[in-house]
Protein backbone atom coordinates (compact mmCIF):
# COMPACT_ATOMS: atom_id res chain seq x y z
CA MET A 1 -0.06 0.01 0.16
CA PHE A 2 2.85 2.34 0.89
CA GLN A 3 4.63 1.84 -2.52
CA TYR A 4 1.33 2.53 -4.21
CA LEU A 5 0.82 6.02 -2.27
CA LYS A 6 4.61 6.70 -3.04
CA ARG A 7 4.20 6.18 -6.80
CA VAL A 8 0.82 8.30 -6.74
CA SER A 9 2.59 11.07 -5.06
CA ILE A 10 5.47 10.99 -7.51
CA GLY A 11 3.26 11.15 -10.30
CA LEU A 12 1.26 14.35 -8.90
CA ARG A 13 4.58 16.00 -8.37
CA ALA A 14 5.73 15.21 -11.88
CA ARG A 15 2.40 16.62 -13.38
CA ARG A 16 2.63 19.71 -11.03
CA ALA A 17 6.20 20.21 -12.16
CA GLU A 18 5.34 19.82 -15.74
CA ARG A 19 2.56 22.26 -15.57
CA ALA A 20 4.76 24.83 -13.92
CA LEU A 21 7.33 24.47 -16.76
CA HIS A 22 4.92 24.57 -19.44
CA GLU A 23 3.93 27.92 -18.09
CA LEU A 24 7.19 29.62 -18.50
CA PRO A 25 8.12 31.67 -21.62
CA ASP A 26 10.31 30.12 -24.16
CA HIS A 27 13.29 32.37 -23.35
CA ILE A 28 13.32 31.25 -19.78
CA LEU A 29 13.16 27.65 -20.86
CA LYS A 30 16.18 28.16 -23.10
CA ASP A 31 18.11 29.65 -20.35
CA ILE A 32 17.71 26.55 -17.94
CA GLY A 33 18.21 24.15 -21.10
CA ILE A 34 14.91 22.72 -21.69
CA ARG A 35 13.07 22.71 -24.80
CA ARG A 36 9.37 22.77 -24.53
CA ALA A 37 8.99 19.44 -26.29
CA ALA A 38 11.33 17.86 -23.72
CA ILE A 39 9.65 19.11 -20.47
CA SER A 40 8.08 15.75 -19.83
CA TYR A 41 11.05 13.75 -20.31
CA ALA A 42 13.19 16.20 -18.19
CA VAL A 43 10.71 16.04 -15.14
CA ARG A 44 10.32 12.37 -15.35
CA GLU A 45 14.20 11.63 -15.49
CA HIS A 46 14.76 14.26 -12.65
CA LEU A 47 12.05 12.23 -10.53
CA LYS A 48 13.28 8.98 -11.33
CA ASP A 49 15.54 8.69 -8.43
CA ASP A 50 12.47 9.12 -6.08
CA ARG A 51 10.86 6.00 -7.62
CA ILE A 52 11.01 2.60 -5.89
């Protein structure tokens, strides 16, 4: 049960982070080195360490 809740929590954090990054203008994304098309991948890779 705990593992399931942890996965759900990680998924919610990932969606929240993706939404926040999608709201940023392109020039800021460029400054931090993320293309708009790669936001989802970047967030998932960053949160990969939190997975079980």
